[in-house]
Amino acid sequence: MALATLASSPYGVALYDRDGRLLFLNDRAKGWRLTNDPAPVDPSEGPLDGWKPVWDANGPLTPENTPSVRALAGETVVDRRIKLTESDGTIRELEVTAHPLRTQDDRIEGAAVIAEDVTDKLRIRDDSERARRLMAGVLETIGDMLLVLDNQLTVLMASHAYYKATKTVPEQVVGKHLTQIQGGLWDIADLQTRLSELVPVHGRVDGYRLQLELPKRGLRTLVLSARKIYRLGNNTKTILLTIDDVTDRERAQEQALLNAKLESIGFLAGGLAHDVNNRLQPILGYSQLGRTRVDPNTKLAEWLERIEANAEGARAVVRNVLSYARLEPCHTELVDLSVVTKQALANARDNAPEWIEISQDLATDAPPVKVNPNDMMQVLDNLLTNAIQALSQGGHITVALSRQRIDGQPDATAPTVPGVYALLSIADNGPGIPEAERDKIFDPFYTTKPVGEGTGLGLAIAHSIVHQAGGYIELDSTPGTGCRFDIWLPDSGTTNDI
């Protein structure tokens, strides 16, 4: 019964008597030569064709160093790795264990040698290790954020780009459940469900959008995709999760669409403005001429004065439209923004009611920028006027100027082009701008003011001027707490590729 069990064992088994003669060799071990003795291992078989020596890490085995001889000498051999050549010339690698067989009075009566063929297991291990090193190399150099998860959503690997974007290190990510890393950043029930279904179901996740706060980068728009993959060699099912930060890309697309829209409207508005201006000239001329021919104390003189005043107002609107529609580059020069800002603040303080407080924080190291000073004054006047009008019940306006350096990882509100910038911010603590209106705020002729109180061109003109100077203008607003306009203008001495 025991020999029958050994005969069918998946391991190679050889039994020797105390003189080293082979007593038993099961089918799994036949063809394996565990000694360098040229005589056949099994006396019933002739010499094996293509016989080659057995060897281990130290070289060919000597007769006295074979596992069976060492076991007959009283030594227990555990998991000794040896290589041998089968009868067909195939090189196999075995893990061999040998035990002395003892009688009840502890005399050695023979030896048992058990060998496991680990060739395939080692090849799978080596293939897996090569695949792991290859994957680690890819994750180290690829520019995308990637996570490799097992079927329990435990993180196995992460790309260097992921660590850089999330300000983490491998010890904080690898080996942890997806929902436990970064303070539960990815603890989203719907996302867990969809990822967990990937392995048992042949599915995929595409275009999963969400917005998350990333460390030092602010609110980012992320698009996630996931695929089930098979780890090379052992067929283990894992998940490759790609995280695409599309914030800057979508901002650039929105900016390009806005610029195209403004340019188209600008052409149309410019043509209309010229026609309206031609019609205004005779109205102004005849009203001024009429006033010289009538008694200034008459009702007719009053009416002519009102006609002239309204025509002048209409001409001011036309000038704004033409200024906005001007697409060709204007004269620019090096400008110290602190000087222009102080002039604009002086004008604003003269026009602001006493219940509005205006403060300033102007850094002395802000870089000079290349703009048209009159245009820059118009931008500041527009923004400060809007802030004053928003504080009809009183409040506070803060104007700040600073020097900023943007490196390779800008935050959510900064320009996407690295370099040195002058950052000019105009903030108020008024009612703010509703979210539904923010996307339209720079559109020409769009205004949130009552009819007759605004043309809707102030912010459109400001946007056009800043963009023409190679800069960026952005709005940050929370209803009920006010709004802030940030103007980023590149340092004229740097090589910002704008």
Protein backbone atom coordinates (compact mmCIF):
# COMPACT_ATOMS: atom_id res chain seq x y z
CA MET A 1 0.00 0.00 0.00
CA ALA A 2 2.79 2.42 0.92
CA LEU A 3 4.78 1.61 -2.21
CA ALA A 4 1.66 2.08 -4.34
CA THR A 5 1.20 5.52 -2.84
CA LEU A 6 4.82 6.40 -3.50
CA ALA A 7 4.57 5.08 -7.05
CA SER A 8 1.79 7.56 -7.87
CA SER A 9 3.32 10.50 -6.02
CA PRO A 10 3.83 13.74 -8.02
CA TYR A 11 7.29 13.91 -6.49
CA GLY A 12 10.21 11.77 -7.53
CA VAL A 13 10.95 9.17 -4.83
CA ALA A 14 13.98 6.89 -4.50
CA LEU A 15 14.67 4.43 -1.67
CA TYR A 16 18.14 3.03 -0.95
CA ASP A 17 19.38 0.27 1.37
CA ARG A 18 22.20 0.88 3.81
CA ASP A 19 24.78 -0.11 1.20
CA GLY A 20 23.50 2.50 -1.24
CA ARG A 21 21.75 0.06 -3.53
CA LEU A 22 18.56 1.37 -5.15
CA LEU A 23 15.50 -0.46 -3.84
CA PHE A 24 12.69 1.59 -5.31
CA LEU A 25 12.28 4.33 -7.94
CA ASN A 26 8.82 5.63 -8.81
CA ASP A 27 7.74 6.63 -12.30
CA ARG A 28 8.21 10.34 -11.66
CA ALA A 29 11.89 9.81 -10.83
CA LYS A 30 12.71 7.51 -13.71
CA GLY A 31 14.92 9.29 -16.20
CA TRP A 32 16.32 11.51 -13.47
CA ARG A 33 19.90 10.73 -12.59
CA LEU A 34 20.69 11.80 -9.05
CA THR A 35 24.28 10.58 -9.12
CA ASN A 36 27.32 11.00 -11.35
CA ASP A 37 27.98 7.27 -11.26
CA PRO A 38 27.88 6.21 -14.96
CA ALA A 39 26.13 2.97 -13.99
CA PRO A 40 22.34 2.92 -14.50
CA VAL A 41 20.28 4.22 -11.60
CA ASP A 42 17.79 1.40 -12.03
CA PRO A 43 19.51 -1.97 -12.42
CA SER A 44 16.71 -3.09 -14.75
CA GLU A 45 17.55 -0.30 -17.21
CA GLY A 46 20.59 0.16 -19.36
CA PRO A 47 22.70 3.33 -19.49
CA LEU A 48 20.74 6.43 -20.34
CA ASP A 49 21.33 7.99 -23.76
CA GLY A 50 22.82 11.46 -23.76
CA TRP A 51 23.84 11.14 -20.11
CA LYS A 52 25.39 14.28 -18.63
CA PRO A 53 26.65 15.04 -15.13
CA VAL A 54 24.45 16.27 -12.31
CA TRP A 55 25.52 19.60 -10.86
CA ASP A 56 24.53 22.20 -8.31
CA ALA A 57 25.66 25.74 -7.50
CA ASN A 58 29.13 24.47 -6.64
CA GLY A 59 29.63 22.44 -9.82
CA PRO A 60 29.26 18.73 -10.72
CA LEU A 61 28.26 16.44 -7.85
CA THR A 62 30.88 14.03 -6.61
CA PRO A 63 29.75 10.53 -5.62
CA GLU A 64 30.28 11.27 -1.93
CA ASN A 65 28.28 14.51 -2.18
CA THR A 66 25.06 13.11 -3.64
CA PRO A 67 21.94 13.48 -1.44
CA SER A 68 21.58 9.69 -0.91
CA VAL A 69 25.20 9.24 0.23
CA ARG A 70 24.91 12.15 2.64
CA ALA A 71 21.64 10.74 4.04
CA LEU A 72 23.24 7.31 4.51
CA ALA A 73 25.96 9.10 6.45
CA GLY A 74 23.29 10.34 8.87
CA GLU A 75 22.74 13.84 7.45
CA THR A 76 19.34 15.30 6.58
CA VAL A 77 19.46 17.22 3.32
CA VAL A 78 16.72 19.87 2.97
CA ASP A 79 15.69 21.55 -0.31
CA ARG A 80 19.01 21.17 -2.04
CA ARG A 81 18.82 22.67 -5.53
CA ILE A 82 20.44 20.52 -8.22
CA LYS A 83 20.32 20.50 -12.00
CA LEU A 84 20.32 17.43 -14.17
CA THR A 85 19.83 16.34 -17.75
CA GLU A 86 16.95 14.05 -18.63
CA SER A 87 17.28 11.21 -21.11
CA ASP A 88 16.03 13.49 -23.89
CA GLY A 89 18.62 16.15 -23.08
CA THR A 90 16.23 18.54 -21.27
CA ILE A 91 17.84 20.32 -18.36
CA ARG A 92 15.67 20.21 -15.25
CA GLU A 93 16.08 21.87 -11.89
CA LEU A 94 15.12 19.91 -8.77
CA GLU A 95 14.72 20.63 -5.10
CA VAL A 96 15.93 17.50 -3.33
CA THR A 97 15.34 16.41 0.24
CA ALA A 98 17.06 13.30 1.64
CA HIS A 99 16.45 11.60 4.99
CA PRO A 100 18.24 8.69 6.66
CA LEU A 101 15.93 5.76 7.46
CA ARG A 102 16.54 4.51 10.99
CA THR A 103 15.53 1.50 13.01
CA GLN A 104 14.01 1.73 16.47
CA ASP A 105 17.48 1.54 17.99
CA ASP A 106 18.55 4.47 15.79
CA ARG A 107 20.66 2.45 13.33
CA ILE A 108 20.66 3.67 9.71
CA GLU A 109 19.01 1.06 7.50
CA GLY A 110 18.75 3.13 4.31
CA ALA A 111 17.86 6.48 2.81
CA ALA A 112 14.83 8.15 1.18
CA VAL A 113 15.36 10.78 -1.47
CA ILE A 114 12.42 12.99 -2.52
CA ALA A 115 12.80 15.35 -5.46
CA GLU A 116 10.42 18.02 -6.73
CA ASP A 117 10.80 19.33 -10.27
CA VAL A 118 10.73 23.13 -9.79
CA THR A 119 11.83 24.01 -13.33
CA ASP A 120 8.46 25.40 -14.39
CA LYS A 121 7.85 27.06 -11.04
CA LEU A 122 11.21 28.85 -11.22
CA ARG A 123 10.59 29.88 -14.81
CA ILE A 124 7.24 31.36 -13.83
CA ARG A 125 8.90 33.12 -10.90
CA ASP A 126 11.65 34.47 -13.12
CA ASP A 127 9.15 35.56 -15.78
CA SER A 128 7.07 37.27 -13.11
CA GLU A 129 10.12 39.02 -11.72
CA ARG A 130 11.15 40.18 -15.19
CA ALA A 131 7.60 41.39 -15.80
CA ARG A 132 7.60 43.16 -12.44
CA ARG A 133 10.89 44.89 -13.22
CA LEU A 134 9.61 45.83 -16.67
CA MET A 135 6.36 47.22 -15.20
CA ALA A 136 8.32 49.09 -12.53
CA GLY A 137 10.51 50.62 -15.23
CA VAL A 138 7.48 51.66 -17.25
CA LEU A 139 5.77 53.14 -14.19
CA GLU A 140 8.94 55.02 -13.33
CA THR A 141 9.23 56.74 -16.70
CA ILE A 142 5.66 57.11 -17.98
CA GLY A 143 4.11 60.54 -17.58
CA ASP A 144 0.59 59.31 -16.71
CA MET A 145 -0.86 58.63 -13.29
CA LEU A 146 -1.30 54.84 -13.01
CA LEU A 147 -2.29 52.45 -10.24
CA VAL A 148 -2.02 48.65 -10.45
CA LEU A 149 -4.57 46.97 -8.15
CA ASP A 150 -5.29 43.36 -7.25
CA ASN A 151 -8.81 41.97 -7.37
CA GLN A 152 -9.37 43.18 -3.79
CA LEU A 153 -8.44 46.75 -4.85
CA THR A 154 -5.16 46.67 -2.94
CA VAL A 155 -2.49 48.82 -4.59
CA LEU A 156 0.38 46.73 -5.99
CA MET A 157 2.23 49.47 -7.88
CA ALA A 158 1.92 53.13 -8.73
CA SER A 159 3.62 55.29 -11.34
CA HIS A 160 6.14 57.98 -10.49
CA ALA A 161 3.74 60.52 -12.01
CA TYR A 162 1.08 59.45 -9.47
CA TYR A 163 3.44 60.00 -6.53
CA LYS A 164 4.46 63.39 -7.93
CA ALA A 165 0.90 64.59 -8.56
CA THR A 166 -0.45 63.43 -5.19
CA LYS A 167 2.65 64.33 -3.13
CA THR A 168 2.95 60.78 -1.79
CA VAL A 169 5.67 58.11 -1.51
CA PRO A 170 5.40 54.33 -2.15
CA GLU A 171 5.18 53.53 1.58
CA GLN A 172 1.95 55.55 1.76
CA VAL A 173 0.34 53.82 -1.22
CA VAL A 174 1.63 50.33 -2.05
CA GLY A 175 0.06 47.52 -0.04
CA LYS A 176 -2.91 49.61 1.05
CA HIS A 177 -6.52 49.37 -0.04
CA LEU A 178 -7.50 51.96 -2.61
CA THR A 179 -10.01 53.55 -0.23
CA GLN A 180 -7.42 53.92 2.55
CA ILE A 181 -4.73 55.88 0.74
CA GLN A 182 -4.45 59.65 0.98
CA GLY A 183 -7.01 59.97 3.73
CA GLY A 184 -9.79 58.28 1.77
CA LEU A 185 -9.31 60.36 -1.40
CA TRP A 186 -10.59 57.46 -3.53
CA ASP A 187 -13.24 56.28 -1.06
CA ILE A 188 -16.08 56.61 -3.59
CA ALA A 189 -18.72 53.88 -3.39
CA ASP A 190 -19.68 53.92 -7.07
CA LEU A 191 -16.03 53.77 -8.16
CA GLN A 192 -15.35 50.81 -5.84
CA THR A 193 -18.35 48.94 -7.23
CA ARG A 194 -17.35 49.45 -10.84
CA LEU A 195 -13.72 48.45 -10.22
CA SER A 196 -14.71 45.36 -8.18
CA GLU A 197 -16.86 44.14 -11.07
CA LEU A 198 -13.97 44.23 -13.52
CA VAL A 199 -12.34 40.94 -12.51
CA PRO A 200 -15.31 38.53 -12.39
CA VAL A 201 -16.99 40.29 -15.30
CA HIS A 202 -15.15 40.96 -18.56
CA GLY A 203 -15.87 44.67 -18.39
CA ARG A 204 -14.07 47.97 -18.47
CA VAL A 205 -14.40 51.45 -17.06
CA ASP A 206 -14.09 54.37 -19.45
CA GLY A 207 -14.44 58.11 -19.01
CA TYR A 208 -15.28 58.07 -15.28
CA ARG A 209 -15.17 61.78 -14.41
CA LEU A 210 -14.83 63.29 -10.97
CA GLN A 211 -13.40 66.34 -9.28
CA LEU A 212 -11.01 65.95 -6.36
CA GLU A 213 -8.80 68.22 -4.28
CA LEU A 214 -5.17 67.25 -4.90
CA PRO A 215 -2.45 68.43 -2.49
CA LYS A 216 -1.06 71.85 -3.49
CA ARG A 217 -2.91 71.68 -6.82
CA GLY A 218 -6.44 72.52 -5.74
CA LEU A 219 -9.61 71.22 -7.35
CA ARG A 220 -8.75 69.09 -10.38
CA THR A 221 -10.93 67.38 -12.98
CA LEU A 222 -9.90 63.74 -13.38
CA VAL A 223 -10.97 61.13 -15.92
CA LEU A 224 -10.45 57.51 -14.84
CA SER A 225 -10.23 54.39 -17.00
CA ALA A 226 -9.65 50.82 -15.87
CA ARG A 227 -8.85 47.51 -17.56
CA LYS A 228 -8.46 43.96 -16.32
CA ILE A 229 -4.97 42.67 -17.05
CA TYR A 230 -3.17 39.36 -16.52
CA ARG A 231 0.14 39.35 -14.74
CA LEU A 232 2.67 37.55 -16.91
CA GLY A 233 3.37 33.94 -16.00
CA ASN A 234 0.96 33.20 -13.15
CA ASN A 235 -2.24 34.41 -14.85
CA THR A 236 -3.17 36.50 -11.82
CA LYS A 237 -5.97 38.94 -12.60
CA THR A 238 -5.20 42.55 -11.73
CA ILE A 239 -6.57 45.98 -12.59
CA LEU A 240 -4.74 48.80 -14.33
CA LEU A 241 -6.29 52.13 -13.32
CA THR A 242 -5.28 55.20 -15.34
CA ILE A 243 -5.97 58.68 -13.98
CA ASP A 244 -5.94 61.50 -16.49
CA ASP A 245 -5.85 65.04 -15.10
CA VAL A 246 -7.70 66.98 -17.80
CA THR A 247 -8.00 70.26 -15.87
CA ASP A 248 -5.36 72.22 -17.78
CA ARG A 249 -6.33 70.68 -21.11
CA GLU A 250 -9.98 71.59 -20.71
CA ARG A 251 -9.08 75.05 -19.49
CA ALA A 252 -6.95 75.56 -22.61
CA GLN A 253 -9.78 74.31 -24.82
CA GLU A 254 -12.28 76.60 -23.09
CA GLN A 255 -9.84 79.49 -23.48
CA ALA A 256 -9.41 78.76 -27.20
CA LEU A 257 -13.18 78.58 -27.71
CA LEU A 258 -13.68 81.81 -25.78
CA ASN A 259 -10.99 83.58 -27.78
CA ALA A 260 -12.54 82.40 -31.06
CA LYS A 261 -15.97 83.52 -29.92
CA LEU A 262 -14.70 86.90 -28.78
CA GLU A 263 -12.78 87.39 -32.00
CA SER A 264 -15.87 86.66 -34.10
CA ILE A 265 -18.05 88.97 -32.05
CA GLY A 266 -15.30 91.56 -32.16
CA PHE A 267 -15.33 91.68 -35.95
CA LEU A 268 -19.10 92.07 -35.97
CA ALA A 269 -19.12 94.64 -33.16
CA GLY A 270 -16.38 96.68 -34.83
CA GLY A 271 -18.34 97.00 -38.06
CA LEU A 272 -21.53 97.97 -36.24
CA ALA A 273 -19.68 100.46 -34.05
CA HIS A 274 -18.28 102.26 -37.05
CA ASP A 275 -21.77 102.56 -38.56
CA VAL A 276 -23.28 103.81 -35.28
CA ASN A 277 -20.43 106.29 -34.84
CA ASN A 278 -21.11 107.70 -38.32
CA ARG A 279 -24.75 108.24 -37.33
CA LEU A 280 -23.79 109.90 -34.05
CA GLN A 281 -21.56 112.52 -35.60
CA PRO A 282 -24.39 114.56 -37.20
CA ILE A 283 -26.52 114.20 -34.06
CA LEU A 284 -23.75 115.68 -31.95
CA GLY A 285 -22.94 118.33 -34.53
CA TYR A 286 -26.49 119.56 -35.00
CA SER A 287 -27.27 119.49 -31.26
CA GLN A 288 -24.16 121.59 -30.51
CA LEU A 289 -24.99 123.96 -33.39
CA GLY A 290 -28.60 124.26 -32.23
CA ARG A 291 -27.55 125.22 -28.71
CA THR A 292 -25.61 128.17 -30.09
CA ARG A 293 -28.75 129.47 -31.85
CA VAL A 294 -31.26 129.33 -28.96
CA ASP A 295 -31.69 131.05 -25.64
CA PRO A 296 -29.90 128.84 -23.04
CA ASN A 297 -32.73 129.46 -20.57
CA THR A 298 -35.40 127.89 -22.80
CA LYS A 299 -36.79 124.36 -22.69
CA LEU A 300 -35.47 123.78 -26.20
CA ALA A 301 -31.92 124.46 -25.00
CA GLU A 302 -32.41 121.93 -22.22
CA TRP A 303 -33.61 119.34 -24.71
CA LEU A 304 -30.66 119.95 -27.00
CA GLU A 305 -28.28 119.56 -24.04
CA ARG A 306 -29.86 116.22 -23.17
CA ILE A 307 -29.56 115.07 -26.79
CA GLU A 308 -25.87 116.00 -26.80
CA ALA A 309 -25.22 114.29 -23.45
CA ASN A 310 -26.88 111.06 -24.55
CA ALA A 311 -25.05 111.14 -27.88
CA GLU A 312 -21.76 111.56 -26.01
CA GLY A 313 -22.71 108.56 -23.84
CA ALA A 314 -23.47 106.53 -26.94
CA ARG A 315 -20.12 107.55 -28.44
CA ALA A 316 -18.37 106.32 -25.29
CA VAL A 317 -20.05 102.96 -25.75
CA VAL A 318 -18.90 102.94 -29.39
CA ARG A 319 -15.32 103.66 -28.26
CA ASN A 320 -15.51 100.65 -25.94
CA VAL A 321 -16.79 98.46 -28.74
CA LEU A 322 -14.02 99.63 -31.07
CA SER A 323 -11.45 99.12 -28.31
CA TYR A 324 -12.70 95.57 -27.80
CA ALA A 325 -12.83 94.89 -31.53
CA ARG A 326 -9.25 96.08 -32.05
CA LEU A 327 -7.49 92.82 -32.93
CA GLU A 328 -4.18 94.17 -34.20
CA PRO A 329 -1.34 94.48 -31.65
CA CYS A 330 -1.21 97.85 -29.89
CA HIS A 331 1.81 99.81 -28.67
CA THR A 332 3.37 98.20 -25.60
CA GLU A 333 6.15 99.19 -23.24
CA LEU A 334 7.75 98.05 -20.02
CA VAL A 335 5.37 98.97 -17.21
CA ASP A 336 5.76 98.94 -13.46
CA LEU A 337 2.36 97.60 -12.44
CA SER A 338 2.59 99.16 -8.99
CA VAL A 339 2.59 102.65 -10.56
CA VAL A 340 -0.44 101.96 -12.76
CA THR A 341 -2.22 100.24 -9.87
CA LYS A 342 -1.69 103.19 -7.52
CA GLN A 343 -3.16 105.56 -10.15
CA ALA A 344 -6.20 103.30 -10.59
CA LEU A 345 -6.63 103.06 -6.80
CA ALA A 346 -6.57 106.84 -6.48
CA ASN A 347 -9.36 107.09 -9.06
CA ALA A 348 -11.35 104.36 -7.33
CA ARG A 349 -11.07 106.02 -3.90
CA ASP A 350 -12.34 109.28 -5.39
CA ASN A 351 -15.39 107.52 -6.86
CA ALA A 352 -16.14 105.05 -4.05
CA PRO A 353 -18.67 105.97 -1.33
CA GLU A 354 -17.40 106.32 2.20
CA TRP A 355 -18.87 103.00 3.32
CA ILE A 356 -16.49 101.07 1.04
CA GLU A 357 -12.95 100.48 2.30
CA ILE A 358 -10.17 99.97 -0.25
CA SER A 359 -6.82 98.50 0.84
CA GLN A 360 -3.68 97.57 -1.05
CA ASP A 361 -0.75 95.21 -0.71
CA LEU A 362 1.71 95.95 -3.50
CA ALA A 363 4.96 93.99 -3.46
CA THR A 364 8.09 95.87 -4.46
CA ASP A 365 9.62 92.85 -6.25
CA ALA A 366 6.82 92.34 -8.79
CA PRO A 367 8.45 91.99 -12.22
CA PRO A 368 7.94 94.62 -14.95
CA VAL A 369 5.55 93.58 -17.70
CA LYS A 370 5.16 94.58 -21.32
CA VAL A 371 1.69 96.10 -21.82
CA ASN A 372 0.00 99.24 -23.03
CA PRO A 373 -0.26 101.40 -19.88
CA ASN A 374 -3.55 103.02 -20.94
CA ASP A 375 -5.05 99.61 -21.65
CA MET A 376 -3.87 98.35 -18.27
CA MET A 377 -5.44 101.37 -16.59
CA GLN A 378 -8.71 100.57 -18.37
CA VAL A 379 -8.58 96.96 -17.11
CA LEU A 380 -8.09 98.12 -13.51
CA ASP A 381 -10.76 100.82 -13.79
CA ASN A 382 -13.28 98.26 -15.09
CA LEU A 383 -12.54 95.74 -12.34
CA LEU A 384 -12.52 98.32 -9.54
CA THR A 385 -15.73 99.90 -10.80
CA ASN A 386 -17.42 96.50 -10.85
CA ALA A 387 -16.22 95.82 -7.30
CA ILE A 388 -17.54 99.18 -6.06
CA GLN A 389 -20.91 98.60 -7.71
CA ALA A 390 -21.13 95.14 -6.15
CA LEU A 391 -20.73 96.65 -2.64
CA SER A 392 -23.86 98.79 -2.65
CA GLN A 393 -24.39 97.92 1.03
CA GLY A 394 -20.76 98.57 1.95
CA GLY A 395 -17.76 96.29 2.16
CA HIS A 396 -14.08 95.92 1.50
CA ILE A 397 -11.94 95.82 -1.65
CA THR A 398 -8.37 94.46 -1.59
CA VAL A 399 -5.86 94.98 -4.38
CA ALA A 400 -2.66 92.88 -4.21
CA LEU A 401 0.40 92.71 -6.45
CA SER A 402 3.04 89.99 -6.08
CA ARG A 403 5.80 88.11 -7.86
CA GLN A 404 4.99 84.45 -8.59
CA ARG A 405 7.06 81.62 -10.04
CA ILE A 406 5.23 78.74 -11.71
CA ASP A 407 7.22 75.54 -12.04
CA GLY A 408 6.29 72.25 -13.70
CA GLN A 409 3.27 71.53 -11.50
CA PRO A 410 0.97 74.59 -11.45
CA ASP A 411 -2.01 74.59 -9.12
CA ALA A 412 -5.61 74.83 -10.21
CA THR A 413 -5.67 78.65 -10.54
CA ALA A 414 -2.24 79.33 -12.01
CA PRO A 415 -1.09 79.57 -15.65
CA THR A 416 -0.05 76.33 -17.30
CA VAL A 417 3.19 77.77 -18.74
CA PRO A 418 6.10 77.71 -16.27
CA GLY A 419 7.92 80.99 -15.62
CA VAL A 420 7.90 84.19 -13.56
CA TYR A 421 4.69 86.22 -13.42
CA ALA A 422 3.31 89.40 -11.94
CA LEU A 423 0.06 88.47 -10.19
CA LEU A 424 -2.45 91.31 -9.75
CA SER A 425 -5.57 90.42 -7.72
CA ILE A 426 -8.70 92.52 -7.15
CA ALA A 427 -10.97 91.00 -4.50
CA ASP A 428 -14.17 92.14 -2.78
CA ASN A 429 -16.41 90.67 -0.09
CA GLY A 430 -19.67 91.35 -1.92
CA PRO A 431 -22.40 88.90 -2.92
CA GLY A 432 -20.19 87.09 -5.44
CA ILE A 433 -21.13 85.75 -8.85
CA PRO A 434 -23.51 82.76 -9.18
CA GLU A 435 -21.93 79.63 -10.62
CA ALA A 436 -24.36 79.59 -13.57
CA GLU A 437 -23.07 83.00 -14.71
CA ARG A 438 -19.32 82.46 -14.32
CA ASP A 439 -18.80 80.82 -17.71
CA LYS A 440 -20.36 83.84 -19.44
CA ILE A 441 -18.71 86.57 -17.40
CA PHE A 442 -16.14 87.45 -20.10
CA ASP A 443 -18.61 87.28 -22.98
CA PRO A 444 -19.15 90.63 -24.73
CA PHE A 445 -22.48 92.36 -24.05
CA TYR A 446 -23.20 89.99 -21.15
CA THR A 447 -23.96 91.80 -17.89
CA THR A 448 -25.61 91.00 -14.59
CA LYS A 449 -26.49 94.66 -14.01
CA PRO A 450 -29.96 96.10 -14.55
CA VAL A 451 -30.84 97.44 -17.99
CA GLY A 452 -29.23 100.81 -18.58
CA GLU A 453 -26.49 100.36 -15.94
CA GLY A 454 -23.93 98.44 -17.97
CA THR A 455 -22.90 97.62 -21.52
CA GLY A 456 -21.49 94.15 -20.81
CA LEU A 457 -18.17 95.15 -22.39
CA GLY A 458 -16.00 95.93 -19.37
CA LEU A 459 -14.85 92.39 -18.58
CA ALA A 460 -14.76 91.39 -22.25
CA ILE A 461 -12.40 94.30 -22.95
CA ALA A 462 -10.31 93.42 -19.87
CA HIS A 463 -10.04 89.82 -21.04
CA SER A 464 -9.03 90.92 -24.55
CA ILE A 465 -6.35 93.32 -23.26
CA VAL A 466 -4.81 90.80 -20.84
CA HIS A 467 -4.83 88.02 -23.43
CA GLN A 468 -3.23 90.32 -26.01
CA ALA A 469 -0.46 91.01 -23.49
CA GLY A 470 0.26 87.26 -23.22
CA GLY A 471 -1.40 86.90 -19.86
CA TYR A 472 -4.31 85.21 -18.15
CA ILE A 473 -7.32 86.59 -16.28
CA GLU A 474 -9.35 84.28 -14.07
CA LEU A 475 -12.34 84.56 -11.76
CA ASP A 476 -12.63 82.91 -8.36
CA SER A 477 -16.01 83.49 -6.73
CA THR A 478 -18.10 81.96 -3.98
CA PRO A 479 -21.67 83.24 -3.68
CA GLY A 480 -22.10 85.13 -0.43
CA THR A 481 -18.39 85.68 0.21
CA GLY A 482 -17.33 87.82 -2.75
CA CYS A 483 -15.16 87.32 -5.79
CA ARG A 484 -11.55 87.75 -6.88
CA PHE A 485 -10.11 88.45 -10.32
CA ASP A 486 -6.52 87.26 -10.82
CA ILE A 487 -4.46 88.76 -13.63
CA TRP A 488 -1.25 86.87 -14.49
CA LEU A 489 1.19 88.76 -16.71
CA PRO A 490 4.57 87.26 -17.71
CA ASP A 491 7.80 88.86 -16.61
CA SER A 492 9.18 90.72 -19.63
CA GLY A 493 12.66 89.41 -18.80
CA THR A 494 11.74 85.70 -18.86
CA THR A 495 11.17 83.34 -21.77
CA ASN A 496 7.66 82.19 -20.89
CA ASP A 497 6.44 80.46 -24.02
CA ILE A 498 3.07 82.16 -24.27
